[in-house]
Amino acid sequence: MKRKILIVDDEPNIVMTLEYAFKKQNFEVFIARDGSEALEILENNMLDVVLLDVMMPKVDGYQTIKFIKSKNRLENTKVVFLTAKNKASDIEKGIKLGADKYLIKPFSVKKIVQEIKELLT
């Protein structure tokens, strides 16, 4: 069975790069360009993992993770922040909100794929 990942980022190059990498690893990939698109996808799909930027238009990553954590049916969905916000307070906030991992941009695609695969084992 294919693992399902939702990539939420407003930067097209990041989305395209990650989408390609995860499809190569046999993931079913969903894309959202902001938090409100992510919420729509989350309402209608069961996902294994959400790769989530913090700073986005409309609904930010913090609001998105609060939504995910408020839904019982999404309790097994892993959430990984992938963001340029790298202060200790930002990381602490992400983890407190329930993130399973907090990764910093710029990033290595290979490392991201590896981190996600480890999280799902």
PDB file of N, CA and C in Angstrom:
ATOM      1  N   MET A   1       0.834  -1.197   0.000  1.00  0.00           N
ATOM      2  CA  MET A   1       0.000   0.000   0.000  1.00  0.00           C
ATOM      3  C   MET A   1       0.872   1.250   0.000  1.00  0.00           C
ATOM      4  N   LYS A   2       0.531   2.182  -0.860  1.00  0.00           N
ATOM      5  CA  LYS A   2       1.312   3.422  -0.949  1.00  0.00           C
ATOM      6  C   LYS A   2       1.102   4.286   0.286  1.00  0.00           C
ATOM      7  N   ARG A   3       2.190   4.858   0.772  1.00  0.00           N
ATOM      8  CA  ARG A   3       2.099   5.855   1.844  1.00  0.00           C
ATOM      9  C   ARG A   3       1.612   7.156   1.230  1.00  0.00           C
ATOM     10  N   LYS A   4       0.823   7.912   2.004  1.00  0.00           N
ATOM     11  CA  LYS A   4       0.282   9.174   1.500  1.00  0.00           C
ATOM     12  C   LYS A   4       0.910  10.337   2.248  1.00  0.00           C
ATOM     13  N   ILE A   5       1.436  11.293   1.473  1.00  0.00           N
ATOM     14  CA  ILE A   5       2.072  12.473   2.052  1.00  0.00           C
ATOM     15  C   ILE A   5       1.423  13.734   1.474  1.00  0.00           C
ATOM     16  N   LEU A   6       1.228  14.703   2.328  1.00  0.00           N
ATOM     17  CA  LEU A   6       0.745  16.011   1.912  1.00  0.00           C
ATOM     18  C   LEU A   6       1.892  16.993   2.096  1.00  0.00           C
ATOM     19  N   ILE A   7       2.292  17.650   1.002  1.00  0.00           N
ATOM     20  CA  ILE A   7       3.339  18.665   1.049  1.00  0.00           C
ATOM     21  C   ILE A   7       2.661  20.022   1.013  1.00  0.00           C
ATOM     22  N   VAL A   8       2.884  20.810   2.074  1.00  0.00           N
ATOM     23  CA  VAL A   8       2.233  22.111   2.193  1.00  0.00           C
ATOM     24  C   VAL A   8       3.314  23.193   2.209  1.00  0.00           C
ATOM     25  N   ASP A   9       3.416  23.931   1.109  1.00  0.00           N
ATOM     26  CA  ASP A   9       4.420  24.988   1.009  1.00  0.00           C
ATOM     27  C   ASP A   9       3.992  25.950  -0.092  1.00  0.00           C
ATOM     28  N   ASP A  10       4.258  27.238   0.101  1.00  0.00           N
ATOM     29  CA  ASP A  10       3.866  28.223  -0.907  1.00  0.00           C
ATOM     30  C   ASP A  10       4.994  28.516  -1.902  1.00  0.00           C
ATOM     31  N   GLU A  11       6.099  27.789  -1.792  1.00  0.00           N
ATOM     32  CA  GLU A  11       7.246  27.976  -2.688  1.00  0.00           C
ATOM     33  C   GLU A  11       7.232  26.871  -3.757  1.00  0.00           C
ATOM     34  N   PRO A  12       6.868  27.214  -5.020  1.00  0.00           N
ATOM     35  CA  PRO A  12       6.709  26.188  -6.066  1.00  0.00           C
ATOM     36  C   PRO A  12       7.929  25.286  -6.276  1.00  0.00           C
ATOM     37  N   ASN A  13       9.131  25.838  -6.213  1.00  0.00           N
ATOM     38  CA  ASN A  13      10.328  25.014  -6.438  1.00  0.00           C
ATOM     39  C   ASN A  13      10.479  23.944  -5.371  1.00  0.00           C
ATOM     40  N   ILE A  14      10.177  24.289  -4.140  1.00  0.00           N
ATOM     41  CA  ILE A  14      10.258  23.322  -3.043  1.00  0.00           C
ATOM     42  C   ILE A  14       9.217  22.222  -3.250  1.00  0.00           C
ATOM     43  N   VAL A  15       8.005  22.625  -3.580  1.00  0.00           N
ATOM     44  CA  VAL A  15       6.920  21.669  -3.793  1.00  0.00           C
ATOM     45  C   VAL A  15       7.270  20.698  -4.916  1.00  0.00           C
ATOM     46  N   MET A  16       7.741  21.221  -6.047  1.00  0.00           N
ATOM     47  CA  MET A  16       8.065  20.362  -7.194  1.00  0.00           C
ATOM     48  C   MET A  16       9.199  19.396  -6.870  1.00  0.00           C
ATOM     49  N   THR A  17      10.225  19.891  -6.205  1.00  0.00           N
ATOM     50  CA  THR A  17      11.375  19.053  -5.851  1.00  0.00           C
ATOM     51  C   THR A  17      10.955  17.915  -4.924  1.00  0.00           C
ATOM     52  N   LEU A  18      10.196  18.256  -3.878  1.00  0.00           N
ATOM     53  CA  LEU A  18       9.767  17.236  -2.913  1.00  0.00           C
ATOM     54  C   LEU A  18       8.757  16.271  -3.521  1.00  0.00           C
ATOM     55  N   GLU A  19       7.848  16.788  -4.335  1.00  0.00           N
ATOM     56  CA  GLU A  19       6.859  15.925  -4.986  1.00  0.00           C
ATOM     57  C   GLU A  19       7.576  14.870  -5.828  1.00  0.00           C
ATOM     58  N   TYR A  20       8.539  15.286  -6.618  1.00  0.00           N
ATOM     59  CA  TYR A  20       9.303  14.364  -7.462  1.00  0.00           C
ATOM     60  C   TYR A  20      10.014  13.305  -6.607  1.00  0.00           C
ATOM     61  N   ALA A  21      10.680  13.765  -5.546  1.00  0.00           N
ATOM     62  CA  ALA A  21      11.446  12.854  -4.687  1.00  0.00           C
ATOM     63  C   ALA A  21      10.546  11.810  -4.021  1.00  0.00           C
ATOM     64  N   PHE A  22       9.399  12.236  -3.521  1.00  0.00           N
ATOM     65  CA  PHE A  22       8.514  11.292  -2.834  1.00  0.00           C
ATOM     66  C   PHE A  22       7.797  10.365  -3.810  1.00  0.00           C
ATOM     67  N   LYS A  23       7.457  10.848  -4.992  1.00  0.00           N
ATOM     68  CA  LYS A  23       6.854   9.960  -5.996  1.00  0.00           C
ATOM     69  C   LYS A  23       7.842   8.877  -6.400  1.00  0.00           C
ATOM     70  N   LYS A  24       9.110   9.233  -6.498  1.00  0.00           N
ATOM     71  CA  LYS A  24      10.159   8.257  -6.822  1.00  0.00           C
ATOM     72  C   LYS A  24      10.254   7.183  -5.744  1.00  0.00           C
ATOM     73  N   GLN A  25       9.892   7.539  -4.514  1.00  0.00           N
ATOM     74  CA  GLN A  25       9.917   6.595  -3.394  1.00  0.00           C
ATOM     75  C   GLN A  25       8.566   5.881  -3.239  1.00  0.00           C
ATOM     76  N   ASN A  26       7.709   6.007  -4.262  1.00  0.00           N
ATOM     77  CA  ASN A  26       6.423   5.326  -4.303  1.00  0.00           C
ATOM     78  C   ASN A  26       5.394   5.845  -3.289  1.00  0.00           C
ATOM     79  N   PHE A  27       5.468   7.135  -2.957  1.00  0.00           N
ATOM     80  CA  PHE A  27       4.452   7.772  -2.128  1.00  0.00           C
ATOM     81  C   PHE A  27       3.345   8.305  -3.033  1.00  0.00           C
ATOM     82  N   GLU A  28       2.126   8.335  -2.510  1.00  0.00           N
ATOM     83  CA  GLU A  28       1.060   9.079  -3.163  1.00  0.00           C
ATOM     84  C   GLU A  28       1.160  10.496  -2.609  1.00  0.00           C
ATOM     85  N   VAL A  29       1.343  11.475  -3.495  1.00  0.00           N
ATOM     86  CA  VAL A  29       1.652  12.835  -3.063  1.00  0.00           C
ATOM     87  C   VAL A  29       0.463  13.771  -3.290  1.00  0.00           C
ATOM     88  N   PHE A  30       0.107  14.507  -2.245  1.00  0.00           N
ATOM     89  CA  PHE A  30      -0.894  15.564  -2.318  1.00  0.00           C
ATOM     90  C   PHE A  30      -0.160  16.889  -2.127  1.00  0.00           C
ATOM     91  N   ILE A  31      -0.632  17.934  -2.795  1.00  0.00           N
ATOM     92  CA  ILE A  31       0.036  19.233  -2.739  1.00  0.00           C
ATOM     93  C   ILE A  31      -0.958  20.297  -2.275  1.00  0.00           C
ATOM     94  N   ALA A  32      -0.486  21.153  -1.368  1.00  0.00           N
ATOM     95  CA  ALA A  32      -1.261  22.335  -0.981  1.00  0.00           C
ATOM     96  C   ALA A  32      -0.304  23.520  -0.967  1.00  0.00           C
ATOM     97  N   ARG A  33      -0.758  24.643  -1.519  1.00  0.00           N
ATOM     98  CA  ARG A  33       0.108  25.816  -1.603  1.00  0.00           C
ATOM     99  C   ARG A  33      -0.098  26.795  -0.454  1.00  0.00           C
ATOM    100  N   ASP A  34      -1.051  26.481   0.400  1.00  0.00           N
ATOM    101  CA  ASP A  34      -1.243  27.258   1.629  1.00  0.00           C
ATOM    102  C   ASP A  34      -2.059  26.415   2.605  1.00  0.00           C
ATOM    103  N   GLY A  35      -2.192  26.920   3.826  1.00  0.00           N
ATOM    104  CA  GLY A  35      -2.874  26.157   4.862  1.00  0.00           C
ATOM    105  C   GLY A  35      -4.329  25.870   4.567  1.00  0.00           C
ATOM    106  N   SER A  36      -5.019  26.805   3.895  1.00  0.00           N
ATOM    107  CA  SER A  36      -6.439  26.560   3.632  1.00  0.00           C
ATOM    108  C   SER A  36      -6.619  25.412   2.640  1.00  0.00           C
ATOM    109  N   GLU A  37      -5.738  25.317   1.629  1.00  0.00           N
ATOM    110  CA  GLU A  37      -5.785  24.162   0.715  1.00  0.00           C
ATOM    111  C   GLU A  37      -5.482  22.874   1.482  1.00  0.00           C
ATOM    112  N   ALA A  38      -4.541  22.966   2.409  1.00  0.00           N
ATOM    113  CA  ALA A  38      -4.177  21.788   3.216  1.00  0.00           C
ATOM    114  C   ALA A  38      -5.375  21.300   4.019  1.00  0.00           C
ATOM    115  N   LEU A  39      -6.115  22.231   4.630  1.00  0.00           N
ATOM    116  CA  LEU A  39      -7.278  21.853   5.444  1.00  0.00           C
ATOM    117  C   LEU A  39      -8.315  21.131   4.594  1.00  0.00           C
ATOM    118  N   GLU A  40      -8.517  21.618   3.362  1.00  0.00           N
ATOM    119  CA  GLU A  40      -9.457  20.964   2.448  1.00  0.00           C
ATOM    120  C   GLU A  40      -9.043  19.519   2.161  1.00  0.00           C
ATOM    121  N   ILE A  41      -7.766  19.333   1.856  1.00  0.00           N
ATOM    122  CA  ILE A  41      -7.249  17.991   1.558  1.00  0.00           C
ATOM    123  C   ILE A  41      -7.365  17.096   2.791  1.00  0.00           C
ATOM    124  N   LEU A  42      -7.053  17.656   3.961  1.00  0.00           N
ATOM    125  CA  LEU A  42      -7.125  16.884   5.211  1.00  0.00           C
ATOM    126  C   LEU A  42      -8.553  16.471   5.551  1.00  0.00           C
ATOM    127  N   GLU A  43      -9.521  17.290   5.174  1.00  0.00           N
ATOM    128  CA  GLU A  43     -10.933  16.960   5.424  1.00  0.00           C
ATOM    129  C   GLU A  43     -11.360  15.716   4.655  1.00  0.00           C
ATOM    130  N   ASN A  44     -10.739  15.513   3.477  1.00  0.00           N
ATOM    131  CA  ASN A  44     -11.218  14.481   2.558  1.00  0.00           C
ATOM    132  C   ASN A  44     -10.292  13.281   2.381  1.00  0.00           C
ATOM    133  N   ASN A  45      -9.165  13.268   3.079  1.00  0.00           N
ATOM    134  CA  ASN A  45      -8.197  12.187   2.868  1.00  0.00           C
ATOM    135  C   ASN A  45      -7.564  11.744   4.181  1.00  0.00           C
ATOM    136  N   MET A  46      -7.227  10.471   4.254  1.00  0.00           N
ATOM    137  CA  MET A  46      -6.437   9.949   5.369  1.00  0.00           C
ATOM    138  C   MET A  46      -4.989   9.940   4.904  1.00  0.00           C
ATOM    139  N   LEU A  47      -4.139  10.655   5.610  1.00  0.00           N
ATOM    140  CA  LEU A  47      -2.748  10.784   5.194  1.00  0.00           C
ATOM    141  C   LEU A  47      -1.828  10.174   6.234  1.00  0.00           C
ATOM    142  N   ASP A  48      -0.673   9.680   5.779  1.00  0.00           N
ATOM    143  CA  ASP A  48       0.320   9.143   6.706  1.00  0.00           C
ATOM    144  C   ASP A  48       1.156  10.265   7.316  1.00  0.00           C
ATOM    145  N   VAL A  49       1.465  11.264   6.491  1.00  0.00           N
ATOM    146  CA  VAL A  49       2.343  12.334   6.968  1.00  0.00           C
ATOM    147  C   VAL A  49       2.037  13.644   6.245  1.00  0.00           C
ATOM    148  N   VAL A  50       2.198  14.743   6.992  1.00  0.00           N
ATOM    149  CA  VAL A  50       2.049  16.088   6.435  1.00  0.00           C
ATOM    150  C   VAL A  50       3.386  16.799   6.617  1.00  0.00           C
ATOM    151  N   LEU A  51       3.949  17.257   5.504  1.00  0.00           N
ATOM    152  CA  LEU A  51       5.188  18.029   5.514  1.00  0.00           C
ATOM    153  C   LEU A  51       4.763  19.483   5.381  1.00  0.00           C
ATOM    154  N   LEU A  52       5.012  20.277   6.408  1.00  0.00           N
ATOM    155  CA  LEU A  52       4.307  21.545   6.591  1.00  0.00           C
ATOM    156  C   LEU A  52       5.251  22.722   6.795  1.00  0.00           C
ATOM    157  N   ASP A  53       5.097  23.747   5.957  1.00  0.00           N
ATOM    158  CA  ASP A  53       5.807  25.000   6.153  1.00  0.00           C
ATOM    159  C   ASP A  53       5.069  25.790   7.228  1.00  0.00           C
ATOM    160  N   VAL A  54       5.768  26.704   7.896  1.00  0.00           N
ATOM    161  CA  VAL A  54       5.109  27.534   8.912  1.00  0.00           C
ATOM    162  C   VAL A  54       4.537  28.802   8.290  1.00  0.00           C
ATOM    163  N   MET A  55       5.375  29.525   7.554  1.00  0.00           N
ATOM    164  CA  MET A  55       4.968  30.830   7.022  1.00  0.00           C
ATOM    165  C   MET A  55       4.310  30.670   5.656  1.00  0.00           C
ATOM    166  N   MET A  56       2.967  30.810   5.652  1.00  0.00           N
ATOM    167  CA  MET A  56       2.204  30.682   4.414  1.00  0.00           C
ATOM    168  C   MET A  56       1.045  31.660   4.430  1.00  0.00           C
ATOM    169  N   PRO A  57       0.535  32.005   3.240  1.00  0.00           N
ATOM    170  CA  PRO A  57      -0.638  32.887   3.188  1.00  0.00           C
ATOM    171  C   PRO A  57      -1.897  32.186   3.711  1.00  0.00           C
ATOM    172  N   LYS A  58      -2.874  32.965   4.070  1.00  0.00           N
ATOM    173  CA  LYS A  58      -4.202  32.517   4.526  1.00  0.00           C
ATOM    174  C   LYS A  58      -4.149  31.808   5.880  1.00  0.00           C
ATOM    175  N   VAL A  59      -3.737  30.555   5.885  1.00  0.00           N
ATOM    176  CA  VAL A  59      -3.675  29.768   7.120  1.00  0.00           C
ATOM    177  C   VAL A  59      -2.230  29.300   7.284  1.00  0.00           C
ATOM    178  N   ASP A  60      -1.586  29.666   8.397  1.00  0.00           N
ATOM    179  CA  ASP A  60      -0.176  29.282   8.547  1.00  0.00           C
ATOM    180  C   ASP A  60      -0.032  27.852   9.084  1.00  0.00           C
ATOM    181  N   GLY A  61       1.211  27.402   9.173  1.00  0.00           N
ATOM    182  CA  GLY A  61       1.481  26.029   9.604  1.00  0.00           C
ATOM    183  C   GLY A  61       1.022  25.747  11.017  1.00  0.00           C
ATOM    184  N   TYR A  62       1.132  26.746  11.894  1.00  0.00           N
ATOM    185  CA  TYR A  62       0.707  26.542  13.287  1.00  0.00           C
ATOM    186  C   TYR A  62      -0.805  26.307  13.358  1.00  0.00           C
ATOM    187  N   GLN A  63      -1.577  27.080  12.599  1.00  0.00           N
ATOM    188  CA  GLN A  63      -3.030  26.874  12.580  1.00  0.00           C
ATOM    189  C   GLN A  63      -3.377  25.519  11.959  1.00  0.00           C
ATOM    190  N   THR A  64      -2.605  25.138  10.948  1.00  0.00           N
ATOM    191  CA  THR A  64      -2.855  23.861  10.269  1.00  0.00           C
ATOM    192  C   THR A  64      -2.618  22.683  11.212  1.00  0.00           C
ATOM    193  N   ILE A  65      -1.527  22.706  11.977  1.00  0.00           N
ATOM    194  CA  ILE A  65      -1.258  21.583  12.892  1.00  0.00           C
ATOM    195  C   ILE A  65      -2.304  21.543  14.007  1.00  0.00           C
ATOM    196  N   LYS A  66      -2.778  22.697  14.449  1.00  0.00           N
ATOM    197  CA  LYS A  66      -3.847  22.713  15.473  1.00  0.00           C
ATOM    198  C   LYS A  66      -5.088  22.006  14.940  1.00  0.00           C
ATOM    199  N   PHE A  67      -5.415  22.247  13.664  1.00  0.00           N
ATOM    200  CA  PHE A  67      -6.553  21.588  13.034  1.00  0.00           C
ATOM    201  C   PHE A  67      -6.340  20.072  13.002  1.00  0.00           C
ATOM    202  N   ILE A  68      -5.153  19.666  12.557  1.00  0.00           N
ATOM    203  CA  ILE A  68      -4.849  18.223  12.459  1.00  0.00           C
ATOM    204  C   ILE A  68      -4.992  17.562  13.829  1.00  0.00           C
ATOM    205  N   LYS A  69      -4.429  18.187  14.849  1.00  0.00           N
ATOM    206  CA  LYS A  69      -4.435  17.602  16.193  1.00  0.00           C
ATOM    207  C   LYS A  69      -5.836  17.609  16.818  1.00  0.00           C
ATOM    208  N   SER A  70      -6.727  18.429  16.287  1.00  0.00           N
ATOM    209  CA  SER A  70      -8.088  18.488  16.838  1.00  0.00           C
ATOM    210  C   SER A  70      -9.004  17.411  16.267  1.00  0.00           C
ATOM    211  N   LYS A  71      -8.550  16.711  15.245  1.00  0.00           N
ATOM    212  CA  LYS A  71      -9.382  15.698  14.582  1.00  0.00           C
ATOM    213  C   LYS A  71      -8.962  14.289  15.001  1.00  0.00           C
ATOM    214  N   ASN A  72      -9.866  13.562  15.647  1.00  0.00           N
ATOM    215  CA  ASN A  72      -9.562  12.189  16.079  1.00  0.00           C
ATOM    216  C   ASN A  72      -9.148  11.294  14.918  1.00  0.00           C
ATOM    217  N   ARG A  73      -9.814  11.447  13.787  1.00  0.00           N
ATOM    218  CA  ARG A  73      -9.512  10.554  12.664  1.00  0.00           C
ATOM    219  C   ARG A  73      -8.113  10.795  12.086  1.00  0.00           C
ATOM    220  N   LEU A  74      -7.486  11.910  12.449  1.00  0.00           N
ATOM    221  CA  LEU A  74      -6.128  12.203  11.970  1.00  0.00           C
ATOM    222  C   LEU A  74      -5.067  11.940  13.043  1.00  0.00           C
ATOM    223  N   GLU A  75      -5.470  11.246  14.114  1.00  0.00           N
ATOM    224  CA  GLU A  75      -4.540  11.070  15.239  1.00  0.00           C
ATOM    225  C   GLU A  75      -3.273  10.306  14.877  1.00  0.00           C
ATOM    226  N   ASN A  76      -3.305   9.485  13.833  1.00  0.00           N
ATOM    227  CA  ASN A  76      -2.115   8.734  13.431  1.00  0.00           C
ATOM    228  C   ASN A  76      -1.313   9.431  12.335  1.00  0.00           C
ATOM    229  N   THR A  77      -1.793  10.597  11.905  1.00  0.00           N
ATOM    230  CA  THR A  77      -1.079  11.359  10.875  1.00  0.00           C
ATOM    231  C   THR A  77       0.125  12.045  11.501  1.00  0.00           C
ATOM    232  N   LYS A  78       1.303  11.776  10.957  1.00  0.00           N
ATOM    233  CA  LYS A  78       2.531  12.417  11.442  1.00  0.00           C
ATOM    234  C   LYS A  78       2.629  13.814  10.825  1.00  0.00           C
ATOM    235  N   VAL A  79       3.162  14.748  11.600  1.00  0.00           N
ATOM    236  CA  VAL A  79       3.342  16.116  11.104  1.00  0.00           C
ATOM    237  C   VAL A  79       4.809  16.498  11.242  1.00  0.00           C
ATOM    238  N   VAL A  80       5.381  16.951  10.121  1.00  0.00           N
ATOM    239  CA  VAL A  80       6.778  17.379  10.111  1.00  0.00           C
ATOM    240  C   VAL A  80       6.822  18.815   9.602  1.00  0.00           C
ATOM    241  N   PHE A  81       7.331  19.709  10.439  1.00  0.00           N
ATOM    242  CA  PHE A  81       7.528  21.081   9.981  1.00  0.00           C
ATOM    243  C   PHE A  81       8.793  21.137   9.140  1.00  0.00           C
ATOM    244  N   LEU A  82       8.723  21.841   8.022  1.00  0.00           N
ATOM    245  CA  LEU A  82       9.882  22.128   7.182  1.00  0.00           C
ATOM    246  C   LEU A  82       9.846  23.626   6.931  1.00  0.00           C
ATOM    247  N   THR A  83      10.703  24.369   7.627  1.00  0.00           N
ATOM    248  CA  THR A  83      10.569  25.812   7.653  1.00  0.00           C
ATOM    249  C   THR A  83      11.908  26.519   7.806  1.00  0.00           C
ATOM    250  N   ALA A  84      11.915  27.789   7.453  1.00  0.00           N
ATOM    251  CA  ALA A  84      13.108  28.610   7.652  1.00  0.00           C
ATOM    252  C   ALA A  84      13.136  29.183   9.070  1.00  0.00           C
ATOM    253  N   LYS A  85      12.046  29.046   9.800  1.00  0.00           N
ATOM    254  CA  LYS A  85      11.991  29.569  11.178  1.00  0.00           C
ATOM    255  C   LYS A  85      12.820  28.652  12.079  1.00  0.00           C
ATOM    256  N   ASN A  86      14.020  29.127  12.440  1.00  0.00           N
ATOM    257  CA  ASN A  86      14.964  28.236  13.110  1.00  0.00           C
ATOM    258  C   ASN A  86      15.388  28.678  14.513  1.00  0.00           C
ATOM    259  N   LYS A  87      14.675  29.648  15.084  1.00  0.00           N
ATOM    260  CA  LYS A  87      14.988  30.033  16.461  1.00  0.00           C
ATOM    261  C   LYS A  87      14.518  28.936  17.408  1.00  0.00           C
ATOM    262  N   ALA A  88      15.188  28.840  18.542  1.00  0.00           N
ATOM    263  CA  ALA A  88      14.808  27.823  19.530  1.00  0.00           C
ATOM    264  C   ALA A  88      13.333  27.956  19.901  1.00  0.00           C
ATOM    265  N   SER A  89      12.839  29.191  20.018  1.00  0.00           N
ATOM    266  CA  SER A  89      11.436  29.403  20.392  1.00  0.00           C
ATOM    267  C   SER A  89      10.484  28.900  19.303  1.00  0.00           C
ATOM    268  N   ASP A  90      10.886  29.035  18.041  1.00  0.00           N
ATOM    269  CA  ASP A  90      10.052  28.531  16.925  1.00  0.00           C
ATOM    270  C   ASP A  90       9.978  27.008  16.975  1.00  0.00           C
ATOM    271  N   ILE A  91      11.144  26.394  17.163  1.00  0.00           N
ATOM    272  CA  ILE A  91      11.215  24.926  17.210  1.00  0.00           C
ATOM    273  C   ILE A  91      10.399  24.405  18.383  1.00  0.00           C
ATOM    274  N   GLU A  92      10.558  25.059  19.536  1.00  0.00           N
ATOM    275  CA  GLU A  92       9.815  24.670  20.739  1.00  0.00           C
ATOM    276  C   GLU A  92       8.310  24.772  20.510  1.00  0.00           C
ATOM    277  N   LYS A  93       7.881  25.852  19.867  1.00  0.00           N
ATOM    278  CA  LYS A  93       6.455  26.039  19.593  1.00  0.00           C
ATOM    279  C   LYS A  93       5.931  24.919  18.688  1.00  0.00           C
ATOM    280  N   GLY A  94       6.689  24.600  17.643  1.00  0.00           N
ATOM    281  CA  GLY A  94       6.274  23.534  16.715  1.00  0.00           C
ATOM    282  C   GLY A  94       6.133  22.195  17.405  1.00  0.00           C
ATOM    283  N   ILE A  95       7.090  21.865  18.260  1.00  0.00           N
ATOM    284  CA  ILE A  95       7.057  20.588  18.982  1.00  0.00           C
ATOM    285  C   ILE A  95       5.902  20.581  19.998  1.00  0.00           C
ATOM    286  N   LYS A  96       5.717  21.703  20.694  1.00  0.00           N
ATOM    287  CA  LYS A  96       4.612  21.803  21.670  1.00  0.00           C
ATOM    288  C   LYS A  96       3.254  21.611  21.002  1.00  0.00           C
ATOM    289  N   LEU A  97       3.128  22.095  19.769  1.00  0.00           N
ATOM    290  CA  LEU A  97       1.864  21.957  19.040  1.00  0.00           C
ATOM    291  C   LEU A  97       1.646  20.531  18.534  1.00  0.00           C
ATOM    292  N   GLY A  98       2.681  19.690  18.658  1.00  0.00           N
ATOM    293  CA  GLY A  98       2.492  18.283  18.316  1.00  0.00           C
ATOM    294  C   GLY A  98       3.270  17.786  17.111  1.00  0.00           C
ATOM    295  N   ALA A  99       4.201  18.575  16.592  1.00  0.00           N
ATOM    296  CA  ALA A  99       4.993  18.118  15.447  1.00  0.00           C
ATOM    297  C   ALA A  99       5.840  16.916  15.844  1.00  0.00           C
ATOM    298  N   ASP A 100       5.930  15.960  14.936  1.00  0.00           N
ATOM    299  CA  ASP A 100       6.764  14.783  15.173  1.00  0.00           C
ATOM    300  C   ASP A 100       8.232  15.086  14.881  1.00  0.00           C
ATOM    301  N   LYS A 101       8.455  16.033  13.975  1.00  0.00           N
ATOM    302  CA  LYS A 101       9.820  16.483  13.658  1.00  0.00           C
ATOM    303  C   LYS A 101       9.754  17.944  13.244  1.00  0.00           C
ATOM    304  N   TYR A 102      10.888  18.614  13.377  1.00  0.00           N
ATOM    305  CA  TYR A 102      10.992  20.024  12.994  1.00  0.00           C
ATOM    306  C   TYR A 102      12.289  20.160  12.204  1.00  0.00           C
ATOM    307  N   LEU A 103      12.163  20.316  10.888  1.00  0.00           N
ATOM    308  CA  LEU A 103      13.330  20.385  10.010  1.00  0.00           C
ATOM    309  C   LEU A 103      13.479  21.803   9.456  1.00  0.00           C
ATOM    310  N   ILE A 104      14.722  22.201   9.238  1.00  0.00           N
ATOM    311  CA  ILE A 104      15.029  23.577   8.873  1.00  0.00           C
ATOM    312  C   ILE A 104      15.431  23.683   7.395  1.00  0.00           C
ATOM    313  N   LYS A 105      14.918  24.740   6.738  1.00  0.00           N
ATOM    314  CA  LYS A 105      15.351  25.083   5.382  1.00  0.00           C
ATOM    315  C   LYS A 105      16.615  25.926   5.508  1.00  0.00           C
ATOM    316  N   PRO A 106      17.526  25.898   4.550  1.00  0.00           N
ATOM    317  CA  PRO A 106      17.552  25.002   3.388  1.00  0.00           C
ATOM    318  C   PRO A 106      17.782  23.563   3.827  1.00  0.00           C
ATOM    319  N   PHE A 107      17.438  22.629   2.966  1.00  0.00           N
ATOM    320  CA  PHE A 107      17.457  21.227   3.356  1.00  0.00           C
ATOM    321  C   PHE A 107      18.007  20.357   2.241  1.00  0.00           C
ATOM    322  N   SER A 108      18.362  19.149   2.592  1.00  0.00           N
ATOM    323  CA  SER A 108      18.761  18.131   1.626  1.00  0.00           C
ATOM    324  C   SER A 108      17.537  17.260   1.362  1.00  0.00           C
ATOM    325  N   VAL A 109      17.148  17.145   0.098  1.00  0.00           N
ATOM    326  CA  VAL A 109      15.976  16.340  -0.267  1.00  0.00           C
ATOM    327  C   VAL A 109      16.177  14.901   0.205  1.00  0.00           C
ATOM    328  N   LYS A 110      17.364  14.385   0.004  1.00  0.00           N
ATOM    329  CA  LYS A 110      17.671  13.014   0.397  1.00  0.00           C
ATOM    330  C   LYS A 110      17.441  12.831   1.904  1.00  0.00           C
ATOM    331  N   LYS A 111      17.876  13.816   2.696  1.00  0.00           N
ATOM    332  CA  LYS A 111      17.719  13.745   4.151  1.00  0.00           C
ATOM    333  C   LYS A 111      16.230  13.815   4.543  1.00  0.00           C
ATOM    334  N   ILE A 112      15.479  14.679   3.873  1.00  0.00           N
ATOM    335  CA  ILE A 112      14.043  14.804   4.163  1.00  0.00           C
ATOM    336  C   ILE A 112      13.342  13.467   3.897  1.00  0.00           C
ATOM    337  N   VAL A 113      13.608  12.878   2.751  1.00  0.00           N
ATOM    338  CA  VAL A 113      12.984  11.594   2.404  1.00  0.00           C
ATOM    339  C   VAL A 113      13.348  10.545   3.450  1.00  0.00           C
ATOM    340  N   GLN A 114      14.614  10.516   3.823  1.00  0.00           N
ATOM    341  CA  GLN A 114      15.086   9.548   4.830  1.00  0.00           C
ATOM    342  C   GLN A 114      14.384   9.771   6.177  1.00  0.00           C
ATOM    343  N   GLU A 115      14.291  11.034   6.606  1.00  0.00           N
ATOM    344  CA  GLU A 115      13.634  11.366   7.879  1.00  0.00           C
ATOM    345  C   GLU A 115      12.169  10.911   7.875  1.00  0.00           C
ATOM    346  N   ILE A 116      11.473  11.166   6.780  1.00  0.00           N
ATOM    347  CA  ILE A 116      10.057  10.799   6.666  1.00  0.00           C
ATOM    348  C   ILE A 116       9.902   9.276   6.685  1.00  0.00           C
ATOM    349  N   LYS A 117      10.748   8.568   5.945  1.00  0.00           N
ATOM    350  CA  LYS A 117      10.658   7.112   5.902  1.00  0.00           C
ATOM    351  C   LYS A 117      10.917   6.520   7.293  1.00  0.00           C
ATOM    352  N   GLU A 118      11.895   7.069   8.009  1.00  0.00           N
ATOM    353  CA  GLU A 118      12.186   6.588   9.379  1.00  0.00           C
ATOM    354  C   GLU A 118      10.984   6.838  10.301  1.00  0.00           C
ATOM    355  N   LEU A 119      10.371   7.990  10.150  1.00  0.00           N
ATOM    356  CA  LEU A 119       9.223   8.357  10.986  1.00  0.00           C
ATOM    357  C   LEU A 119       8.058   7.394  10.777  1.00  0.00           C
ATOM    358  N   LEU A 120       7.939   6.866   9.575  1.00  0.00           N
ATOM    359  CA  LEU A 120       6.806   5.999   9.239  1.00  0.00           C
ATOM    360  C   LEU A 120       7.073   4.513   9.498  1.00  0.00           C
ATOM    361  N   THR A 121       8.272   4.166   9.968  1.00  0.00           N
ATOM    362  CA  THR A 121       8.561   2.748  10.220  1.00  0.00           C
ATOM    363  C   THR A 121       8.223   2.354  11.635  1.00  0.00           C
TER     364      THR A 121
END
